[in-house]
N, C-alpha and C. Protein backbone atom coordinates (compact mmCIF):
# COMPACT_ATOMS: atom_id res chain seq x y z
N UNK A 1 -1.97 10.99 -4.48
CA UNK A 1 -2.95 10.17 -3.81
C UNK A 1 -2.56 8.70 -3.99
N UNK A 2 -2.57 7.95 -2.92
CA UNK A 2 -2.23 6.53 -2.95
C UNK A 2 -3.53 5.73 -2.99
N UNK A 3 -3.62 4.83 -3.97
CA UNK A 3 -4.82 4.00 -4.11
C UNK A 3 -4.42 2.55 -3.88
N UNK A 4 -5.15 1.87 -3.02
CA UNK A 4 -4.89 0.45 -2.74
C UNK A 4 -6.15 -0.34 -3.08
N UNK A 5 -6.00 -1.29 -3.98
CA UNK A 5 -7.10 -2.19 -4.31
C UNK A 5 -6.99 -3.37 -3.35
N UNK A 6 -7.75 -3.34 -2.30
CA UNK A 6 -7.65 -4.33 -1.24
C UNK A 6 -7.94 -5.75 -1.72
N UNK A 7 -8.72 -5.90 -2.76
CA UNK A 7 -9.06 -7.23 -3.24
C UNK A 7 -7.92 -7.89 -4.01
N UNK A 8 -6.97 -7.11 -4.53
CA UNK A 8 -5.80 -7.67 -5.20
C UNK A 8 -4.67 -7.95 -4.21
N UNK A 9 -4.67 -7.25 -3.09
CA UNK A 9 -3.58 -7.35 -2.12
C UNK A 9 -3.54 -8.73 -1.45
N UNK A 10 -2.32 -9.25 -1.31
CA UNK A 10 -2.12 -10.53 -0.63
C UNK A 10 -1.38 -10.37 0.70
N UNK A 11 -1.31 -9.13 1.20
CA UNK A 11 -0.77 -8.89 2.54
C UNK A 11 0.69 -9.21 2.72
N UNK A 12 1.50 -9.07 1.71
CA UNK A 12 2.92 -9.43 1.81
C UNK A 12 3.73 -8.43 2.63
N UNK A 13 3.23 -7.23 2.80
CA UNK A 13 3.86 -6.17 3.60
C UNK A 13 5.08 -5.53 2.95
N UNK A 14 5.38 -5.85 1.71
CA UNK A 14 6.55 -5.28 1.04
C UNK A 14 6.42 -3.76 0.93
N UNK A 15 5.25 -3.28 0.58
CA UNK A 15 5.05 -1.83 0.44
C UNK A 15 5.26 -1.12 1.77
N UNK A 16 4.83 -1.73 2.86
CA UNK A 16 4.97 -1.14 4.19
C UNK A 16 6.44 -1.13 4.60
N UNK A 17 7.13 -2.22 4.38
CA UNK A 17 8.53 -2.35 4.80
C UNK A 17 9.48 -1.42 4.04
N UNK A 18 9.21 -1.19 2.76
CA UNK A 18 10.15 -0.42 1.94
C UNK A 18 9.77 1.04 1.74
N UNK A 19 8.66 1.48 2.30
CA UNK A 19 8.26 2.88 2.17
C UNK A 19 9.26 3.75 2.95
N UNK A 20 9.97 4.65 2.27
CA UNK A 20 10.99 5.44 2.95
C UNK A 20 10.43 6.44 3.96
N UNK A 21 9.16 6.81 3.83
CA UNK A 21 8.57 7.78 4.75
C UNK A 21 7.52 7.17 5.67
N UNK A 22 7.41 5.86 5.67
CA UNK A 22 6.48 5.13 6.56
C UNK A 22 5.04 5.63 6.46
N UNK A 23 4.58 5.78 5.23
CA UNK A 23 3.22 6.26 4.96
C UNK A 23 2.19 5.15 5.21
N UNK A 24 2.58 3.91 4.96
CA UNK A 24 1.65 2.79 5.03
C UNK A 24 1.80 1.99 6.32
N UNK A 25 0.68 1.43 6.76
CA UNK A 25 0.66 0.50 7.89
C UNK A 25 -0.27 -0.65 7.54
N UNK A 26 -0.07 -1.78 8.15
CA UNK A 26 -0.93 -2.92 7.89
C UNK A 26 -2.26 -2.78 8.62
N UNK A 27 -3.32 -3.18 7.95
CA UNK A 27 -4.66 -3.13 8.52
C UNK A 27 -4.84 -4.27 9.53
N UNK A 28 -5.80 -4.12 10.38
CA UNK A 28 -6.17 -5.20 11.29
C UNK A 28 -7.44 -5.90 10.82
N UNK A 29 -7.92 -5.50 9.64
CA UNK A 29 -9.13 -6.07 9.06
C UNK A 29 -8.78 -6.89 7.82
N UNK A 30 -9.32 -8.07 7.72
CA UNK A 30 -9.07 -8.93 6.57
C UNK A 30 -9.85 -8.49 5.34
N UNK A 31 -9.25 -8.70 4.15
CA UNK A 31 -10.02 -8.49 2.93
C UNK A 31 -10.79 -9.78 2.62
N UNK A 32 -11.50 -9.83 1.51
CA UNK A 32 -12.34 -11.00 1.21
C UNK A 32 -11.54 -12.28 1.00
N UNK A 33 -10.27 -12.14 0.66
CA UNK A 33 -9.43 -13.33 0.44
C UNK A 33 -8.73 -13.79 1.72
N UNK A 34 -8.90 -13.04 2.81
CA UNK A 34 -8.31 -13.43 4.08
C UNK A 34 -6.93 -12.86 4.35
N UNK A 35 -6.58 -11.79 3.65
CA UNK A 35 -5.28 -11.12 3.84
C UNK A 35 -5.49 -9.77 4.51
N UNK A 36 -4.44 -9.30 5.18
CA UNK A 36 -4.47 -7.97 5.79
C UNK A 36 -3.83 -6.97 4.82
N UNK A 37 -4.61 -6.11 4.19
CA UNK A 37 -4.04 -5.13 3.26
C UNK A 37 -3.46 -3.94 4.01
N UNK A 38 -2.60 -3.17 3.35
CA UNK A 38 -2.06 -1.97 3.99
C UNK A 38 -3.10 -0.84 4.01
N UNK A 39 -2.87 0.10 4.91
CA UNK A 39 -3.69 1.30 5.00
C UNK A 39 -2.79 2.51 4.80
N UNK A 40 -3.32 3.54 4.18
CA UNK A 40 -2.59 4.79 4.03
C UNK A 40 -2.84 5.60 5.30
N UNK A 41 -1.84 5.71 6.14
CA UNK A 41 -1.98 6.39 7.42
C UNK A 41 -1.46 7.82 7.41
N UNK A 42 -0.45 8.10 6.62
CA UNK A 42 0.16 9.44 6.61
C UNK A 42 0.40 9.89 5.16
N UNK A 43 -0.67 10.03 4.40
CA UNK A 43 -0.53 10.35 2.97
C UNK A 43 0.20 11.67 2.74
N UNK A 44 0.06 12.61 3.63
CA UNK A 44 0.73 13.91 3.45
C UNK A 44 2.25 13.77 3.51
N UNK A 45 2.76 12.67 4.09
CA UNK A 45 4.20 12.44 4.16
C UNK A 45 4.74 11.76 2.89
N UNK A 46 3.86 11.35 2.00
CA UNK A 46 4.27 10.66 0.77
C UNK A 46 5.01 11.62 -0.15
N UNK A 47 6.17 11.19 -0.64
CA UNK A 47 6.97 11.99 -1.57
C UNK A 47 6.71 11.63 -3.01
N UNK A 48 5.88 10.62 -3.25
CA UNK A 48 5.57 10.21 -4.61
C UNK A 48 6.67 9.43 -5.29
N UNK A 49 7.48 8.72 -4.54
CA UNK A 49 8.60 7.97 -5.12
C UNK A 49 8.14 6.75 -5.92
N UNK A 50 6.93 6.29 -5.66
CA UNK A 50 6.31 5.15 -6.35
C UNK A 50 6.98 3.81 -6.04
N UNK A 51 7.78 3.75 -5.01
CA UNK A 51 8.43 2.50 -4.66
C UNK A 51 7.40 1.43 -4.30
N UNK A 52 6.37 1.81 -3.58
CA UNK A 52 5.31 0.85 -3.22
C UNK A 52 4.65 0.29 -4.48
N UNK A 53 4.41 1.16 -5.43
CA UNK A 53 3.78 0.77 -6.69
C UNK A 53 4.70 -0.19 -7.48
N UNK A 54 5.97 0.12 -7.52
CA UNK A 54 6.92 -0.70 -8.26
C UNK A 54 7.16 -2.07 -7.63
N UNK A 55 7.11 -2.14 -6.31
CA UNK A 55 7.41 -3.40 -5.61
C UNK A 55 6.21 -4.33 -5.46
N UNK A 56 5.01 -3.83 -5.68
CA UNK A 56 3.81 -4.65 -5.50
C UNK A 56 3.68 -5.66 -6.63
N UNK A 57 3.85 -6.92 -6.30
CA UNK A 57 3.78 -7.99 -7.30
C UNK A 57 2.35 -8.26 -7.77
N UNK A 58 1.38 -7.79 -7.02
CA UNK A 58 -0.03 -8.01 -7.35
C UNK A 58 -0.68 -6.80 -8.01
N UNK A 59 0.08 -5.73 -8.22
CA UNK A 59 -0.43 -4.49 -8.82
C UNK A 59 -1.63 -3.95 -8.05
N UNK A 60 -1.56 -4.05 -6.73
CA UNK A 60 -2.67 -3.66 -5.87
C UNK A 60 -2.54 -2.23 -5.36
N UNK A 61 -1.43 -1.57 -5.63
CA UNK A 61 -1.23 -0.22 -5.13
C UNK A 61 -0.67 0.65 -6.25
N UNK A 62 -1.20 1.86 -6.34
CA UNK A 62 -0.68 2.79 -7.35
C UNK A 62 -0.88 4.23 -6.89
N UNK A 63 -0.11 5.10 -7.50
CA UNK A 63 -0.13 6.52 -7.18
C UNK A 63 -0.87 7.26 -8.28
N UNK A 64 -1.76 8.17 -7.88
CA UNK A 64 -2.49 9.00 -8.82
C UNK A 64 -2.06 10.44 -8.56
N UNK A 65 -1.53 11.08 -9.59
CA UNK A 65 -1.14 12.48 -9.46
C UNK A 65 -2.36 13.36 -9.60
N UNK A 66 -2.51 14.28 -8.70
CA UNK A 66 -3.67 15.18 -8.75
C UNK A 66 -3.34 16.44 -9.47
């Protein structure tokens, strides 16, 4: 399961750009700080590589194993 804390996200798009399976897409809705956070669009395609988690400089995204 991919968890995104939208209030920490600064909309840099690094997680979206580097996701090998294109699970994430950018939102069209602003968060409270005025940034566009990513959305999990295809979670079933996620392989759990944690690249998005590792690249997020704001610690706004993480993977939870079920």
